[in-house]
């Protein structure tokens, strides 16, 4: 399969993609336009005391960064949320987030709300509740003990300073002593005082370990939230783009799904997968603004559509070059596939090629050819078939045939119209009268082209297919399901009809190659 085949559903359903994108974009734009402006307040906290320590260790830094992630998760948990709502008297909190700043010991809490005052209050209170949840936050029962320890530490600091001063005084006296007895006395006093200092310092260190002054697992606010004065860039355009992208993706998926579920023959590639024989040139869709549908090969020479019929003529020449026969049946599986238009144009281009051609309208139920060529529709095939003995073709007399044959323009093209709508004539389409008639009229022309009824609608075309040299099947692009088309081919095969090829009619501009700028408006009802 060619790469272009994968994009064919998108080209076919381009309007669905466009409509979905426009609808999604407009809806999302109207939605975000109605939303009130949002304000963002941010609070920053520090984890640990590494910043205060002039010589922090690597383990302290790593531990603080890990704790930052833990606290970022904790701020989203129920205890912090519930305590914050209780402290502010709120029943719910606005949208907020907490994230540790990369490679830093900082944690940032961000609150987005339509009320800037509330955004600031919530950000500060979340930080406050997070601090209260940390292990370094003093509990009520620990506050008295903490105060006592601090008093003891202050007292020990005073005694240590006094003892250090006493040691300095003793050392001065020792240096000025001259007698052995005085020196010995000062030395003993100095040793005792130093022992006292060591004891005081040891007690001080022991009490200090019971405090939280050197803890690593600490958290403190270093930047309270500021009152936001300007609305934040809320990502409205990003939202619109995301919604539009989703709409395009869904529409594209729908297009491929519809293409998968669509069982109709639309392209030449589809047709090639169904048939096992020659595919004749396709006919593009086109539009004609005249009052009646023209035979383009006659009324619009040189047009790309006419060129398509000329290519069809050439292919018909090639398909029958080594085979005898000149009577061809033009039919379709179902009505309104344009087989009458194809029959008329094929007959016209054959006549332009210096061939004598007789076109017979055998669609006795819904005749069209007399309208296409703007001639009389009275006295035609139906009258020939029901003519009594002595007047019909069975006795070899050709006066009546000559009378119903109408000459078309300056070309070597003649036409036998369908004639009156006679039920008796329909039943004779498979009779020997038709066989004898075809043998008679084919003697004086190079080609006989028969426009027959649709195969699946009535049995007329199937009966006629056994009395002609070849059958050209017309399929309108996008109108006939593959199974129905395959059923038509089986019916022709069952009666051993010689199918020369299939013409894909009304091929869309997206797949019509150099015919893409022509469009169609058929009034052919058969």
Foldseek 3Di string as FASTA:
>chain_A
DDPVVVCVLCVVVVVLLVVLLVVLLVVLVVVVVPDAFKFKWKFKKFAFCQVVDPDDDPVLLVVLQVVLVVLQVVLPDDVLQVVLCVVVVHPHFADKGKDADPSHSMIMIMGMDSALVSNQSSNQSSQVSSQCPFPQNDDPVCPVVQVVLVVLLVVLVVVLVVLVVVLVVLVVQLVVDDDPVSNVVSVVVNVVSVVVNVVSVVVNVVSVVVHCPNPGRHMDTPGRIDRTDDGDPPCSVVVSVVSSVVSSVVSVVVSVVVVVVQQFFFAPVSVPVQDDDDAAFAAAAFADDDPAAELCVVVPPPDVRLVSLLSNLVLVCVLCVPPDFFEEEFAAAAWPLCSVSSLSNNQSSCLVVVWQEEEEEAALPQWDVCRRLVHDQAQFQLCQQPPDPPPHPPVPDCPSVVVQWADRPPTNYIYGTSHHNDPVSQVCLLPVSVLSVCVVVCVVTRHYYYYYYHVNPDPNVLSNLLRHPEYEYEGERSPDGSVSVSVSVVSNVVSPGHHSHYYHYNRALVRNPPCNVRHHDDPRRD
